[in-house]
Full PDB file with SEQRES, HELIX, SHEET, SSBOND, CRYST1, ORIGX, SCALE, CONECT and MASTER records, all heavy atoms in Angstrom:
SEQRES   1 A   32  LEU PRO TRP MET SER GLN LEU LEU LEU SER TRP GLY GLU          
SEQRES   2 A   32  PHE ALA GLY ALA HIS THR SER ASP LEU LEU ILE GLY LEU          
SEQRES   3 A   32  GLY ALA THR VAL THR LEU                                      
HELIX    1 AA1 TRP A    3  ALA A   17  1                                  15    
HELIX    2 AA2 THR A   19  THR A   31  1                                  13    
CRYST1    1.000    1.000    1.000  90.00  90.00  90.00 P 1           1          
ORIGX1      1.000000  0.000000  0.000000        0.00000                         
ORIGX2      0.000000  1.000000  0.000000        0.00000                         
ORIGX3      0.000000  0.000000  1.000000        0.00000                         
SCALE1      1.000000  0.000000  0.000000        0.00000                         
SCALE2      0.000000  1.000000  0.000000        0.00000                         
SCALE3      0.000000  0.000000  1.000000        0.00000                         
ATOM      1  N   LEU A   1     158.436  49.050 -35.564  1.00  0.00           N  
ATOM      2  CA  LEU A   1     158.917  48.430 -34.333  1.00  0.00           C  
ATOM      3  C   LEU A   1     158.848  46.913 -34.454  1.00  0.00           C  
ATOM      4  O   LEU A   1     158.025  46.374 -35.218  1.00  0.00           O  
ATOM      5  CB  LEU A   1     158.069  48.894 -33.149  1.00  0.00           C  
ATOM      6  CG  LEU A   1     158.003  50.406 -32.909  1.00  0.00           C  
ATOM      7  CD1 LEU A   1     157.070  50.701 -31.742  1.00  0.00           C  
ATOM      8  CD2 LEU A   1     159.381  50.983 -32.636  1.00  0.00           C  
ATOM      9  N   PRO A   2     159.683  46.196 -33.714  1.00  0.00           N  
ATOM     10  CA  PRO A   2     159.537  44.731 -33.648  1.00  0.00           C  
ATOM     11  C   PRO A   2     158.130  44.360 -33.205  1.00  0.00           C  
ATOM     12  O   PRO A   2     157.526  45.059 -32.375  1.00  0.00           O  
ATOM     13  CB  PRO A   2     160.601  44.327 -32.624  1.00  0.00           C  
ATOM     14  CG  PRO A   2     161.596  45.431 -32.642  1.00  0.00           C  
ATOM     15  CD  PRO A   2     160.827  46.684 -32.931  1.00  0.00           C  
ATOM     16  N   TRP A   3     157.614  43.252 -33.766  1.00  0.00           N  
ATOM     17  CA  TRP A   3     156.196  42.950 -33.530  1.00  0.00           C  
ATOM     18  C   TRP A   3     155.884  42.708 -32.066  1.00  0.00           C  
ATOM     19  O   TRP A   3     154.802  43.058 -31.590  1.00  0.00           O  
ATOM     20  CB  TRP A   3     155.766  41.763 -34.375  1.00  0.00           C  
ATOM     21  CG  TRP A   3     156.337  40.441 -33.943  1.00  0.00           C  
ATOM     22  CD1 TRP A   3     157.499  39.887 -34.328  1.00  0.00           C  
ATOM     23  CD2 TRP A   3     155.727  39.529 -33.016  1.00  0.00           C  
ATOM     24  NE1 TRP A   3     157.688  38.681 -33.711  1.00  0.00           N  
ATOM     25  CE2 TRP A   3     156.613  38.419 -32.894  1.00  0.00           C  
ATOM     26  CE3 TRP A   3     154.545  39.511 -32.289  1.00  0.00           C  
ATOM     27  CZ2 TRP A   3     156.351  37.346 -32.079  1.00  0.00           C  
ATOM     28  CZ3 TRP A   3     154.265  38.436 -31.479  1.00  0.00           C  
ATOM     29  CH2 TRP A   3     155.152  37.368 -31.366  1.00  0.00           C  
ATOM     30  N   MET A   4     156.824  42.141 -31.294  1.00  0.00           N  
ATOM     31  CA  MET A   4     156.562  41.935 -29.862  1.00  0.00           C  
ATOM     32  C   MET A   4     156.537  43.268 -29.125  1.00  0.00           C  
ATOM     33  O   MET A   4     155.710  43.481 -28.236  1.00  0.00           O  
ATOM     34  CB  MET A   4     157.622  41.004 -29.267  1.00  0.00           C  
ATOM     35  CG  MET A   4     157.540  39.567 -29.777  1.00  0.00           C  
ATOM     36  SD  MET A   4     158.649  38.426 -28.915  1.00  0.00           S  
ATOM     37  CE  MET A   4     157.937  38.434 -27.284  1.00  0.00           C  
ATOM     38  N   SER A   5     157.432  44.175 -29.486  1.00  0.00           N  
ATOM     39  CA  SER A   5     157.405  45.508 -28.881  1.00  0.00           C  
ATOM     40  C   SER A   5     156.130  46.235 -29.263  1.00  0.00           C  
ATOM     41  O   SER A   5     155.521  46.934 -28.435  1.00  0.00           O  
ATOM     42  CB  SER A   5     158.626  46.309 -29.326  1.00  0.00           C  
ATOM     43  OG  SER A   5     159.824  45.708 -28.888  1.00  0.00           O  
ATOM     44  N   GLN A   6     155.708  46.080 -30.551  1.00  0.00           N  
ATOM     45  CA  GLN A   6     154.481  46.717 -30.980  1.00  0.00           C  
ATOM     46  C   GLN A   6     153.274  46.174 -30.219  1.00  0.00           C  
ATOM     47  O   GLN A   6     152.371  46.926 -29.842  1.00  0.00           O  
ATOM     48  CB  GLN A   6     154.293  46.486 -32.484  1.00  0.00           C  
ATOM     49  CG  GLN A   6     153.073  47.202 -33.072  1.00  0.00           C  
ATOM     50  CD  GLN A   6     153.158  48.703 -32.905  1.00  0.00           C  
ATOM     51  OE1 GLN A   6     154.167  49.318 -33.262  1.00  0.00           O  
ATOM     52  NE2 GLN A   6     152.122  49.311 -32.351  1.00  0.00           N  
ATOM     53  N   LEU A   7     153.276  44.862 -29.981  1.00  0.00           N  
ATOM     54  CA  LEU A   7     152.182  44.259 -29.214  1.00  0.00           C  
ATOM     55  C   LEU A   7     152.147  44.808 -27.787  1.00  0.00           C  
ATOM     56  O   LEU A   7     151.073  45.153 -27.263  1.00  0.00           O  
ATOM     57  CB  LEU A   7     152.356  42.737 -29.199  1.00  0.00           C  
ATOM     58  CG  LEU A   7     151.279  41.923 -28.478  1.00  0.00           C  
ATOM     59  CD1 LEU A   7     149.940  42.089 -29.181  1.00  0.00           C  
ATOM     60  CD2 LEU A   7     151.661  40.453 -28.427  1.00  0.00           C  
ATOM     61  N   LEU A   8     153.307  44.914 -27.168  1.00  0.00           N  
ATOM     62  CA  LEU A   8     153.371  45.441 -25.805  1.00  0.00           C  
ATOM     63  C   LEU A   8     152.953  46.895 -25.758  1.00  0.00           C  
ATOM     64  O   LEU A   8     152.215  47.319 -24.854  1.00  0.00           O  
ATOM     65  CB  LEU A   8     154.787  45.258 -25.266  1.00  0.00           C  
ATOM     66  CG  LEU A   8     155.024  45.672 -23.801  1.00  0.00           C  
ATOM     67  CD1 LEU A   8     154.200  44.803 -22.859  1.00  0.00           C  
ATOM     68  CD2 LEU A   8     156.506  45.576 -23.444  1.00  0.00           C  
ATOM     69  N   LEU A   9     153.400  47.683 -26.717  1.00  0.00           N  
ATOM     70  CA  LEU A   9     153.057  49.109 -26.735  1.00  0.00           C  
ATOM     71  C   LEU A   9     151.584  49.319 -27.074  1.00  0.00           C  
ATOM     72  O   LEU A   9     150.966  50.284 -26.595  1.00  0.00           O  
ATOM     73  CB  LEU A   9     153.943  49.842 -27.736  1.00  0.00           C  
ATOM     74  CG  LEU A   9     155.433  49.876 -27.361  1.00  0.00           C  
ATOM     75  CD1 LEU A   9     156.250  50.525 -28.459  1.00  0.00           C  
ATOM     76  CD2 LEU A   9     155.647  50.612 -26.042  1.00  0.00           C  
ATOM     77  N   SER A  10     151.008  48.430 -27.877  1.00  0.00           N  
ATOM     78  CA  SER A  10     149.564  48.531 -28.148  1.00  0.00           C  
ATOM     79  C   SER A  10     148.774  48.328 -26.861  1.00  0.00           C  
ATOM     80  O   SER A  10     147.775  49.015 -26.602  1.00  0.00           O  
ATOM     81  CB  SER A  10     149.154  47.489 -29.195  1.00  0.00           C  
ATOM     82  OG  SER A  10     149.808  47.719 -30.414  1.00  0.00           O  
ATOM     83  N   TRP A  11     149.227  47.368 -26.070  1.00  0.00           N  
ATOM     84  CA  TRP A  11     148.597  47.191 -24.765  1.00  0.00           C  
ATOM     85  C   TRP A  11     148.782  48.445 -23.910  1.00  0.00           C  
ATOM     86  O   TRP A  11     147.859  48.870 -23.201  1.00  0.00           O  
ATOM     87  CB  TRP A  11     149.183  45.987 -24.045  1.00  0.00           C  
ATOM     88  CG  TRP A  11     148.967  46.049 -22.550  1.00  0.00           C  
ATOM     89  CD1 TRP A  11     149.893  46.345 -21.599  1.00  0.00           C  
ATOM     90  CD2 TRP A  11     147.732  45.903 -21.857  1.00  0.00           C  
ATOM     91  NE1 TRP A  11     149.328  46.360 -20.356  1.00  0.00           N  
ATOM     92  CE2 TRP A  11     147.997  46.088 -20.471  1.00  0.00           C  
ATOM     93  CE3 TRP A  11     146.430  45.607 -22.256  1.00  0.00           C  
ATOM     94  CZ2 TRP A  11     147.014  46.012 -19.510  1.00  0.00           C  
ATOM     95  CZ3 TRP A  11     145.443  45.521 -21.298  1.00  0.00           C  
ATOM     96  CH2 TRP A  11     145.741  45.714 -19.937  1.00  0.00           C  
ATOM     97  N   GLY A  12     149.983  49.069 -23.981  1.00  0.00           N  
ATOM     98  CA  GLY A  12     150.232  50.284 -23.221  1.00  0.00           C  
ATOM     99  C   GLY A  12     149.301  51.411 -23.621  1.00  0.00           C  
ATOM    100  O   GLY A  12     148.795  52.145 -22.770  1.00  0.00           O  
ATOM    101  N   GLU A  13     149.056  51.551 -24.906  1.00  0.00           N  
ATOM    102  CA  GLU A  13     148.136  52.582 -25.368  1.00  0.00           C  
ATOM    103  C   GLU A  13     146.717  52.315 -24.866  1.00  0.00           C  
ATOM    104  O   GLU A  13     145.996  53.223 -24.445  1.00  0.00           O  
ATOM    105  CB  GLU A  13     148.156  52.636 -26.890  1.00  0.00           C  
ATOM    106  CG  GLU A  13     149.480  53.120 -27.470  1.00  0.00           C  
ATOM    107  CD  GLU A  13     149.486  53.064 -28.988  1.00  0.00           C  
ATOM    108  OE1 GLU A  13     148.449  52.645 -29.557  1.00  0.00           O  
ATOM    109  OE2 GLU A  13     150.508  53.422 -29.589  1.00  0.00           O  
ATOM    110  N   PHE A  14     146.319  51.037 -24.929  1.00  0.00           N  
ATOM    111  CA  PHE A  14     144.979  50.674 -24.444  1.00  0.00           C  
ATOM    112  C   PHE A  14     144.856  50.938 -22.938  1.00  0.00           C  
ATOM    113  O   PHE A  14     143.848  51.475 -22.466  1.00  0.00           O  
ATOM    114  CB  PHE A  14     144.707  49.210 -24.753  1.00  0.00           C  
ATOM    115  CG  PHE A  14     143.397  48.698 -24.215  1.00  0.00           C  
ATOM    116  CD1 PHE A  14     142.208  48.959 -24.888  1.00  0.00           C  
ATOM    117  CD2 PHE A  14     143.342  47.974 -23.028  1.00  0.00           C  
ATOM    118  CE1 PHE A  14     141.002  48.490 -24.396  1.00  0.00           C  
ATOM    119  CE2 PHE A  14     142.132  47.519 -22.530  1.00  0.00           C  
ATOM    120  CZ  PHE A  14     140.955  47.775 -23.218  1.00  0.00           C  
ATOM    121  N   ALA A  15     145.903  50.559 -22.171  1.00  0.00           N  
ATOM    122  CA  ALA A  15     145.868  50.767 -20.725  1.00  0.00           C  
ATOM    123  C   ALA A  15     145.852  52.242 -20.375  1.00  0.00           C  
ATOM    124  O   ALA A  15     145.161  52.669 -19.442  1.00  0.00           O  
ATOM    125  CB  ALA A  15     147.072  50.079 -20.078  1.00  0.00           C  
ATOM    126  N   GLY A  16     146.587  53.052 -21.124  1.00  0.00           N  
ATOM    127  CA  GLY A  16     146.592  54.493 -20.859  1.00  0.00           C  
ATOM    128  C   GLY A  16     145.250  55.134 -21.148  1.00  0.00           C  
ATOM    129  O   GLY A  16     144.851  56.089 -20.471  1.00  0.00           O  
ATOM    130  N   ALA A  17     144.519  54.613 -22.152  1.00  0.00           N  
ATOM    131  CA  ALA A  17     143.228  55.202 -22.518  1.00  0.00           C  
ATOM    132  C   ALA A  17     142.081  54.699 -21.653  1.00  0.00           C  
ATOM    133  O   ALA A  17     141.031  55.343 -21.579  1.00  0.00           O  
ATOM    134  CB  ALA A  17     142.938  54.914 -23.999  1.00  0.00           C  
ATOM    135  N   HIS A  18     142.245  53.555 -21.006  1.00  0.00           N  
ATOM    136  CA  HIS A  18     141.152  52.968 -20.209  1.00  0.00           C  
ATOM    137  C   HIS A  18     141.638  52.618 -18.800  1.00  0.00           C  
ATOM    138  O   HIS A  18     141.322  51.550 -18.278  1.00  0.00           O  
ATOM    139  CB  HIS A  18     140.614  51.706 -20.890  1.00  0.00           C  
ATOM    140  CG  HIS A  18     140.123  51.935 -22.277  1.00  0.00           C  
ATOM    141  ND1 HIS A  18     140.956  51.899 -23.384  1.00  0.00           N  
ATOM    142  CD2 HIS A  18     138.866  52.214 -22.760  1.00  0.00           C  
ATOM    143  CE1 HIS A  18     140.249  52.123 -24.476  1.00  0.00           C  
ATOM    144  NE2 HIS A  18     138.976  52.325 -24.131  1.00  0.00           N  
ATOM    145  N   THR A  19     142.402  53.494 -18.186  1.00  0.00           N  
ATOM    146  CA  THR A  19     142.969  53.215 -16.865  1.00  0.00           C  
ATOM    147  C   THR A  19     141.886  52.970 -15.825  1.00  0.00           C  
ATOM    148  O   THR A  19     141.944  52.004 -15.051  1.00  0.00           O  
ATOM    149  CB  THR A  19     143.874  54.373 -16.425  1.00  0.00           C  
ATOM    150  OG1 THR A  19     144.878  54.584 -17.421  1.00  0.00           O  
ATOM    151  CG2 THR A  19     144.537  54.059 -15.089  1.00  0.00           C  
ATOM    152  N   SER A  20     140.870  53.835 -15.785  1.00  0.00           N  
ATOM    153  CA  SER A  20     139.813  53.702 -14.760  1.00  0.00           C  
ATOM    154  C   SER A  20     139.056  52.395 -14.925  1.00  0.00           C  
ATOM    155  O   SER A  20     138.788  51.681 -13.939  1.00  0.00           O  
ATOM    156  CB  SER A  20     138.849  54.889 -14.857  1.00  0.00           C  
ATOM    157  OG  SER A  20     139.530  56.107 -14.646  1.00  0.00           O  
ATOM    158  N   ASP A  21     138.725  52.065 -16.169  1.00  0.00           N  
ATOM    159  CA  ASP A  21     137.981  50.823 -16.401  1.00  0.00           C  
ATOM    160  C   ASP A  21     138.810  49.605 -15.998  1.00  0.00           C  
ATOM    161  O   ASP A  21     138.287  48.636 -15.423  1.00  0.00           O  
ATOM    162  CB  ASP A  21     137.594  50.716 -17.876  1.00  0.00           C  
ATOM    163  CG  ASP A  21     136.633  51.818 -18.294  1.00  0.00           C  
ATOM    164  OD1 ASP A  21     135.921  52.335 -17.416  1.00  0.00           O  
ATOM    165  OD2 ASP A  21     136.602  52.144 -19.496  1.00  0.00           O  
ATOM    166  N   LEU A  22     140.107  49.642 -16.292  1.00  0.00           N  
ATOM    167  CA  LEU A  22     140.967  48.510 -15.935  1.00  0.00           C  
ATOM    168  C   LEU A  22     141.096  48.361 -14.424  1.00  0.00           C  
ATOM    169  O   LEU A  22     141.109  47.247 -13.899  1.00  0.00           O  
ATOM    170  CB  LEU A  22     142.346  48.687 -16.562  1.00  0.00           C  
ATOM    171  CG  LEU A  22     142.407  48.515 -18.088  1.00  0.00           C  
ATOM    172  CD1 LEU A  22     143.805  48.839 -18.610  1.00  0.00           C  
ATOM    173  CD2 LEU A  22     142.028  47.092 -18.488  1.00  0.00           C  
ATOM    174  N   LEU A  23     141.197  49.503 -13.717  1.00  0.00           N  
ATOM    175  CA  LEU A  23     141.293  49.439 -12.250  1.00  0.00           C  
ATOM    176  C   LEU A  23     140.010  48.875 -11.649  1.00  0.00           C  
ATOM    177  O   LEU A  23     140.051  48.064 -10.717  1.00  0.00           O  
ATOM    178  CB  LEU A  23     141.581  50.824 -11.681  1.00  0.00           C  
ATOM    179  CG  LEU A  23     142.989  51.379 -11.946  1.00  0.00           C  
ATOM    180  CD1 LEU A  23     143.111  52.808 -11.406  1.00  0.00           C  
ATOM    181  CD2 LEU A  23     144.050  50.492 -11.304  1.00  0.00           C  
ATOM    182  N   ILE A  24     138.856  49.285 -12.174  1.00  0.00           N  
ATOM    183  CA  ILE A  24     137.584  48.755 -11.682  1.00  0.00           C  
ATOM    184  C   ILE A  24     137.484  47.261 -11.955  1.00  0.00           C  
ATOM    185  O   ILE A  24     137.074  46.463 -11.097  1.00  0.00           O  
ATOM    186  CB  ILE A  24     136.408  49.507 -12.320  1.00  0.00           C  
ATOM    187  CG1 ILE A  24     136.400  50.967 -11.852  1.00  0.00           C  
ATOM    188  CG2 ILE A  24     135.083  48.834 -11.969  1.00  0.00           C  
ATOM    189  CD1 ILE A  24     135.366  51.826 -12.551  1.00  0.00           C  
ATOM    190  N   GLY A  25     137.879  46.863 -13.175  1.00  0.00           N  
ATOM    191  CA  GLY A  25     137.859  45.443 -13.513  1.00  0.00           C  
ATOM    192  C   GLY A  25     138.809  44.630 -12.654  1.00  0.00           C  
ATOM    193  O   GLY A  25     138.485  43.510 -12.236  1.00  0.00           O  
ATOM    194  N   LEU A  26     139.999  45.205 -12.376  1.00  0.00           N  
ATOM    195  CA  LEU A  26     140.959  44.507 -11.521  1.00  0.00           C  
ATOM    196  C   LEU A  26     140.410  44.332 -10.114  1.00  0.00           C  
ATOM    197  O   LEU A  26     140.528  43.255  -9.513  1.00  0.00           O  
ATOM    198  CB  LEU A  26     142.278  45.278 -11.488  1.00  0.00           C  
ATOM    199  CG  LEU A  26     143.388  44.691 -10.613  1.00  0.00           C  
ATOM    200  CD1 LEU A  26     143.791  43.310 -11.119  1.00  0.00           C  
ATOM    201  CD2 LEU A  26     144.597  45.617 -10.581  1.00  0.00           C  
ATOM    202  N   GLY A  27     139.789  45.396  -9.580  1.00  0.00           N  
ATOM    203  CA  GLY A  27     139.206  45.299  -8.243  1.00  0.00           C  
ATOM    204  C   GLY A  27     138.091  44.270  -8.189  1.00  0.00           C  
ATOM    205  O   GLY A  27     137.996  43.486  -7.232  1.00  0.00           O  
ATOM    206  N   ALA A  28     137.231  44.252  -9.219  1.00  0.00           N  
ATOM    207  CA  ALA A  28     136.145  43.263  -9.244  1.00  0.00           C  
ATOM    208  C   ALA A  28     136.701  41.845  -9.366  1.00  0.00           C  
ATOM    209  O   ALA A  28     136.196  40.910  -8.729  1.00  0.00           O  
ATOM    210  CB  ALA A  28     135.213  43.567 -10.410  1.00  0.00           C  
ATOM    211  N   THR A  29     137.761  41.680 -10.158  1.00  0.00           N  
ATOM    212  CA  THR A  29     138.362  40.358 -10.311  1.00  0.00           C  
ATOM    213  C   THR A  29     138.972  39.860  -9.013  1.00  0.00           C  
ATOM    214  O   THR A  29     138.800  38.697  -8.623  1.00  0.00           O  
ATOM    215  CB  THR A  29     139.440  40.389 -11.409  1.00  0.00           C  
ATOM    216  OG1 THR A  29     138.844  40.832 -12.636  1.00  0.00           O  
ATOM    217  CG2 THR A  29     140.050  39.009 -11.607  1.00  0.00           C  
ATOM    218  N   VAL A  30     139.688  40.756  -8.314  1.00  0.00           N  
ATOM    219  CA  VAL A  30     140.305  40.381  -7.033  1.00  0.00           C  
ATOM    220  C   VAL A  30     139.228  39.996  -6.019  1.00  0.00           C  
ATOM    221  O   VAL A  30     139.351  39.017  -5.284  1.00  0.00           O  
ATOM    222  CB  VAL A  30     141.182  41.523  -6.507  1.00  0.00           C  
ATOM    223  CG1 VAL A  30     141.635  41.253  -5.081  1.00  0.00           C  
ATOM    224  CG2 VAL A  30     142.389  41.725  -7.407  1.00  0.00           C  
ATOM    225  N   THR A  31     138.131  40.793  -5.979  1.00  0.00           N  
ATOM    226  CA  THR A  31     137.035  40.490  -5.049  1.00  0.00           C  
ATOM    227  C   THR A  31     136.400  39.143  -5.368  1.00  0.00           C  
ATOM    228  O   THR A  31     136.127  38.329  -4.476  1.00  0.00           O  
ATOM    229  CB  THR A  31     135.977  41.597  -5.109  1.00  0.00           C  
ATOM    230  OG1 THR A  31     136.579  42.858  -4.819  1.00  0.00           O  
ATOM    231  CG2 THR A  31     134.866  41.331  -4.100  1.00  0.00           C  
ATOM    232  N   LEU A  32     136.174  38.887  -6.656  1.00  0.00           N  
ATOM    233  CA  LEU A  32     135.580  37.612  -7.063  1.00  0.00           C  
ATOM    234  C   LEU A  32     136.498  36.448  -6.728  1.00  0.00           C  
ATOM    235  O   LEU A  32     136.042  35.405  -6.228  1.00  0.00           O  
ATOM    236  CB  LEU A  32     135.295  37.644  -8.564  1.00  0.00           C  
ATOM    237  CG  LEU A  32     134.690  36.368  -9.168  1.00  0.00           C  
ATOM    238  CD1 LEU A  32     133.328  36.087  -8.543  1.00  0.00           C  
ATOM    239  CD2 LEU A  32     134.565  36.498 -10.683  1.00  0.00           C  
TER     240      LEU A  32                                                      
MASTER        0    0    0    2    0    0    0    6  239    1    0    3          
END                                                                             
């Protein structure tokens, strides 16, 4: 894949595997 697409999809894989952690982090960031 093109390297920019690969970078975006790597983030997608990470987000799919750590959805709960990202949501908790997002909520804590918004509160802060």
